[in-house]
Amino acid sequence: MVALEGGLGKFKLEELKLYNGREGKPAYIAYKGKVYDVTDSALWIDGDHQGQHEAGKDITNEMKYAPHGEEMLERIKLIGVLVSTSEEK
């Protein structure tokens, strides 16, 4: 993770996988290029969201099937952006 101005971080997908919420690790998810910290959400237990989503992943495609829209992410702390390997260089 590389820090950006304003306190946000840049995450590569491989780095995001480390934040899966298991064994005391923080739980982060990506959606539409933004990275959110779901660690303290009561709906994300040990990196699992009600058996539907797992932390440490980009859930953009999975959200199409969620019973709610992306407005739910407005309640979650934004901590960074997801970048491709080529953007990081």
N, C-alpha and C. Protein backbone atom coordinates (compact mmCIF):
# COMPACT_ATOMS: atom_id res chain seq x y z
N MET A 1 0.86 -1.17 0.00
CA MET A 1 0.00 0.00 0.00
C MET A 1 0.90 1.22 0.00
N VAL A 2 0.58 2.17 -0.87
CA VAL A 2 1.29 3.43 -0.97
C VAL A 2 0.34 4.53 -0.52
N ALA A 3 0.82 5.42 0.36
CA ALA A 3 -0.03 6.50 0.86
C ALA A 3 -0.19 7.60 -0.18
N LEU A 4 -1.39 8.13 -0.29
CA LEU A 4 -1.70 9.25 -1.17
C LEU A 4 -1.91 10.49 -0.32
N GLU A 5 -1.89 11.63 -0.95
CA GLU A 5 -2.20 12.87 -0.27
C GLU A 5 -3.63 12.80 0.27
N GLY A 6 -3.86 13.32 1.44
CA GLY A 6 -5.19 13.28 2.02
C GLY A 6 -5.44 12.04 2.88
N GLY A 7 -4.41 11.21 3.07
CA GLY A 7 -4.53 10.06 3.95
C GLY A 7 -5.04 8.79 3.31
N LEU A 8 -5.43 8.84 2.04
CA LEU A 8 -5.89 7.63 1.37
C LEU A 8 -4.69 6.83 0.87
N GLY A 9 -4.89 5.53 0.69
CA GLY A 9 -3.82 4.68 0.21
C GLY A 9 -4.11 4.11 -1.16
N LYS A 10 -3.05 3.69 -1.83
CA LYS A 10 -3.17 3.00 -3.11
C LYS A 10 -2.95 1.52 -2.85
N PHE A 11 -3.87 0.70 -3.26
CA PHE A 11 -3.78 -0.74 -3.06
C PHE A 11 -3.77 -1.47 -4.39
N LYS A 12 -2.85 -2.38 -4.55
CA LYS A 12 -2.89 -3.32 -5.67
C LYS A 12 -3.80 -4.46 -5.23
N LEU A 13 -4.38 -5.18 -6.17
CA LEU A 13 -5.28 -6.29 -5.84
C LEU A 13 -4.57 -7.33 -4.99
N GLU A 14 -3.32 -7.60 -5.27
CA GLU A 14 -2.56 -8.58 -4.48
C GLU A 14 -2.42 -8.13 -3.03
N GLU A 15 -2.25 -6.82 -2.81
CA GLU A 15 -2.16 -6.29 -1.45
C GLU A 15 -3.50 -6.36 -0.75
N LEU A 16 -4.56 -6.07 -1.48
CA LEU A 16 -5.91 -6.09 -0.90
C LEU A 16 -6.22 -7.47 -0.31
N LYS A 17 -5.75 -8.51 -0.96
CA LYS A 17 -6.00 -9.88 -0.50
C LYS A 17 -5.49 -10.12 0.92
N LEU A 18 -4.51 -9.36 1.35
CA LEU A 18 -3.95 -9.51 2.70
C LEU A 18 -4.91 -9.03 3.79
N TYR A 19 -5.86 -8.19 3.41
CA TYR A 19 -6.81 -7.61 4.36
C TYR A 19 -8.15 -8.33 4.29
N ASN A 20 -8.11 -9.60 4.66
CA ASN A 20 -9.29 -10.46 4.53
C ASN A 20 -10.11 -10.59 5.80
N GLY A 21 -9.70 -9.93 6.87
CA GLY A 21 -10.47 -9.94 8.12
C GLY A 21 -10.29 -11.18 8.97
N ARG A 22 -9.42 -12.08 8.56
CA ARG A 22 -9.20 -13.32 9.31
C ARG A 22 -7.99 -13.20 10.22
N GLU A 23 -8.01 -13.95 11.29
CA GLU A 23 -6.89 -14.03 12.24
C GLU A 23 -6.46 -12.65 12.72
N GLY A 24 -7.44 -11.79 13.00
CA GLY A 24 -7.16 -10.47 13.55
C GLY A 24 -6.76 -9.41 12.54
N LYS A 25 -6.74 -9.75 11.26
CA LYS A 25 -6.37 -8.78 10.23
C LYS A 25 -7.55 -7.85 9.95
N PRO A 26 -7.27 -6.62 9.51
CA PRO A 26 -8.36 -5.73 9.09
C PRO A 26 -9.09 -6.33 7.88
N ALA A 27 -10.32 -5.89 7.67
CA ALA A 27 -11.13 -6.36 6.54
C ALA A 27 -11.40 -5.20 5.60
N TYR A 28 -10.83 -5.28 4.39
CA TYR A 28 -11.01 -4.25 3.38
C TYR A 28 -11.68 -4.86 2.15
N ILE A 29 -12.48 -4.05 1.49
CA ILE A 29 -13.09 -4.45 0.23
C ILE A 29 -12.89 -3.33 -0.79
N ALA A 30 -12.93 -3.68 -2.06
CA ALA A 30 -12.87 -2.68 -3.12
C ALA A 30 -14.19 -2.71 -3.88
N TYR A 31 -14.61 -1.51 -4.29
CA TYR A 31 -15.81 -1.38 -5.11
C TYR A 31 -15.61 -0.20 -6.05
N LYS A 32 -15.71 -0.47 -7.35
CA LYS A 32 -15.55 0.56 -8.38
C LYS A 32 -14.30 1.40 -8.16
N GLY A 33 -13.20 0.72 -7.84
CA GLY A 33 -11.91 1.39 -7.73
C GLY A 33 -11.62 2.05 -6.40
N LYS A 34 -12.55 1.97 -5.47
CA LYS A 34 -12.35 2.55 -4.14
C LYS A 34 -12.21 1.43 -3.13
N VAL A 35 -11.40 1.66 -2.09
CA VAL A 35 -11.17 0.65 -1.06
C VAL A 35 -11.79 1.13 0.25
N TYR A 36 -12.57 0.24 0.85
CA TYR A 36 -13.31 0.55 2.08
C TYR A 36 -12.87 -0.37 3.21
N ASP A 37 -12.89 0.16 4.43
CA ASP A 37 -12.55 -0.61 5.63
C ASP A 37 -13.84 -1.08 6.29
N VAL A 38 -14.14 -2.37 6.21
CA VAL A 38 -15.36 -2.93 6.80
C VAL A 38 -15.08 -3.67 8.11
N THR A 39 -13.87 -3.48 8.64
CA THR A 39 -13.43 -4.19 9.84
C THR A 39 -14.43 -4.07 10.99
N ASP A 40 -14.91 -2.86 11.25
CA ASP A 40 -15.77 -2.62 12.41
C ASP A 40 -17.26 -2.75 12.13
N SER A 41 -17.61 -3.13 10.92
CA SER A 41 -19.03 -3.28 10.58
C SER A 41 -19.58 -4.56 11.21
N ALA A 42 -20.72 -4.43 11.86
CA ALA A 42 -21.38 -5.59 12.47
C ALA A 42 -21.87 -6.58 11.41
N LEU A 43 -21.93 -6.14 10.16
CA LEU A 43 -22.40 -7.01 9.08
C LEU A 43 -21.25 -7.77 8.41
N TRP A 44 -20.03 -7.48 8.81
CA TRP A 44 -18.84 -8.17 8.29
C TRP A 44 -18.15 -8.83 9.48
N ILE A 45 -18.33 -10.12 9.64
CA ILE A 45 -17.74 -10.87 10.75
C ILE A 45 -16.58 -11.70 10.22
N ASP A 46 -15.40 -11.47 10.77
CA ASP A 46 -14.19 -12.20 10.33
C ASP A 46 -14.02 -12.15 8.81
N GLY A 47 -14.33 -11.00 8.22
CA GLY A 47 -14.15 -10.83 6.79
C GLY A 47 -15.24 -11.42 5.92
N ASP A 48 -16.33 -11.83 6.53
CA ASP A 48 -17.43 -12.44 5.78
C ASP A 48 -18.70 -11.59 5.94
N HIS A 49 -19.35 -11.29 4.83
CA HIS A 49 -20.58 -10.52 4.86
C HIS A 49 -21.76 -11.45 4.59
N GLN A 50 -22.31 -11.98 5.66
CA GLN A 50 -23.51 -12.81 5.62
C GLN A 50 -23.42 -13.94 4.60
N GLY A 51 -22.23 -14.51 4.43
CA GLY A 51 -22.04 -15.63 3.52
C GLY A 51 -22.10 -15.26 2.05
N GLN A 52 -22.18 -13.96 1.75
CA GLN A 52 -22.33 -13.52 0.37
C GLN A 52 -21.06 -12.91 -0.23
N HIS A 53 -20.27 -12.23 0.60
CA HIS A 53 -19.06 -11.55 0.13
C HIS A 53 -17.93 -11.80 1.12
N GLU A 54 -16.71 -11.77 0.61
CA GLU A 54 -15.53 -11.93 1.45
C GLU A 54 -14.65 -10.71 1.33
N ALA A 55 -14.05 -10.31 2.45
CA ALA A 55 -13.11 -9.19 2.46
C ALA A 55 -11.82 -9.59 1.75
N GLY A 56 -11.05 -8.59 1.37
CA GLY A 56 -9.80 -8.84 0.67
C GLY A 56 -10.00 -8.97 -0.82
N LYS A 57 -11.18 -8.57 -1.32
CA LYS A 57 -11.50 -8.74 -2.73
C LYS A 57 -12.13 -7.47 -3.31
N ASP A 58 -12.17 -7.43 -4.61
CA ASP A 58 -12.94 -6.42 -5.33
C ASP A 58 -14.34 -7.01 -5.52
N ILE A 59 -15.33 -6.40 -4.89
CA ILE A 59 -16.69 -6.94 -4.94
C ILE A 59 -17.58 -6.21 -5.95
N THR A 60 -16.98 -5.47 -6.86
CA THR A 60 -17.76 -4.70 -7.83
C THR A 60 -18.76 -5.57 -8.58
N ASN A 61 -18.33 -6.68 -9.12
CA ASN A 61 -19.25 -7.54 -9.88
C ASN A 61 -20.26 -8.23 -8.97
N GLU A 62 -19.87 -8.57 -7.76
CA GLU A 62 -20.78 -9.25 -6.82
C GLU A 62 -21.92 -8.35 -6.38
N MET A 63 -21.70 -7.05 -6.34
CA MET A 63 -22.72 -6.12 -5.86
C MET A 63 -23.95 -6.10 -6.77
N LYS A 64 -23.81 -6.57 -8.00
CA LYS A 64 -24.96 -6.63 -8.91
C LYS A 64 -26.07 -7.52 -8.34
N TYR A 65 -25.67 -8.47 -7.51
CA TYR A 65 -26.61 -9.45 -6.97
C TYR A 65 -27.00 -9.17 -5.53
N ALA A 66 -26.50 -8.08 -4.97
CA ALA A 66 -26.81 -7.74 -3.58
C ALA A 66 -28.23 -7.21 -3.47
N PRO A 67 -28.89 -7.42 -2.33
CA PRO A 67 -30.25 -6.92 -2.15
C PRO A 67 -30.31 -5.42 -1.89
N HIS A 68 -29.15 -4.77 -1.84
CA HIS A 68 -29.08 -3.32 -1.64
C HIS A 68 -28.15 -2.73 -2.68
N GLY A 69 -28.14 -1.43 -2.80
CA GLY A 69 -27.29 -0.74 -3.76
C GLY A 69 -26.01 -0.23 -3.12
N GLU A 70 -25.24 0.45 -3.93
CA GLU A 70 -23.95 0.96 -3.47
C GLU A 70 -24.09 2.07 -2.43
N GLU A 71 -25.29 2.58 -2.23
CA GLU A 71 -25.49 3.61 -1.22
C GLU A 71 -25.10 3.12 0.18
N MET A 72 -25.13 1.82 0.38
CA MET A 72 -24.72 1.26 1.69
C MET A 72 -23.25 1.54 1.98
N LEU A 73 -22.44 1.69 0.94
CA LEU A 73 -21.02 1.95 1.15
C LEU A 73 -20.76 3.36 1.65
N GLU A 74 -21.74 4.25 1.55
CA GLU A 74 -21.58 5.61 2.07
C GLU A 74 -21.40 5.59 3.58
N ARG A 75 -21.81 4.52 4.23
CA ARG A 75 -21.69 4.38 5.68
C ARG A 75 -20.33 3.82 6.10
N ILE A 76 -19.55 3.36 5.12
CA ILE A 76 -18.28 2.68 5.39
C ILE A 76 -17.12 3.64 5.12
N LYS A 77 -16.09 3.53 5.94
CA LYS A 77 -14.92 4.41 5.82
C LYS A 77 -14.13 4.11 4.54
N LEU A 78 -13.97 5.15 3.71
CA LEU A 78 -13.15 5.07 2.51
C LEU A 78 -11.69 5.24 2.94
N ILE A 79 -10.84 4.28 2.54
CA ILE A 79 -9.44 4.36 2.97
C ILE A 79 -8.45 4.41 1.81
N GLY A 80 -8.92 4.19 0.58
CA GLY A 80 -7.96 4.21 -0.52
C GLY A 80 -8.58 3.94 -1.86
N VAL A 81 -7.68 3.71 -2.82
CA VAL A 81 -8.09 3.40 -4.19
C VAL A 81 -7.39 2.13 -4.63
N LEU A 82 -8.03 1.41 -5.53
CA LEU A 82 -7.48 0.19 -6.10
C LEU A 82 -6.78 0.57 -7.40
N VAL A 83 -5.54 0.15 -7.55
CA VAL A 83 -4.78 0.48 -8.75
C VAL A 83 -4.28 -0.79 -9.42
N SER A 84 -4.08 -0.71 -10.71
CA SER A 84 -3.47 -1.84 -11.42
C SER A 84 -1.97 -1.75 -11.25
N THR A 85 -1.28 -2.82 -11.53
CA THR A 85 0.17 -2.84 -11.39
C THR A 85 0.82 -1.77 -12.26
N SER A 86 0.31 -1.53 -13.45
CA SER A 86 0.88 -0.54 -14.35
C SER A 86 0.71 0.88 -13.81
N GLU A 87 -0.37 1.15 -13.07
CA GLU A 87 -0.59 2.48 -12.49
C GLU A 87 0.35 2.76 -11.35
N GLU A 88 0.80 1.72 -10.68
CA GLU A 88 1.64 1.85 -9.49
C GLU A 88 3.05 2.29 -9.85
N LYS A 89 3.51 1.98 -11.04
CA LYS A 89 4.90 2.28 -11.44
C LYS A 89 5.12 3.76 -11.63
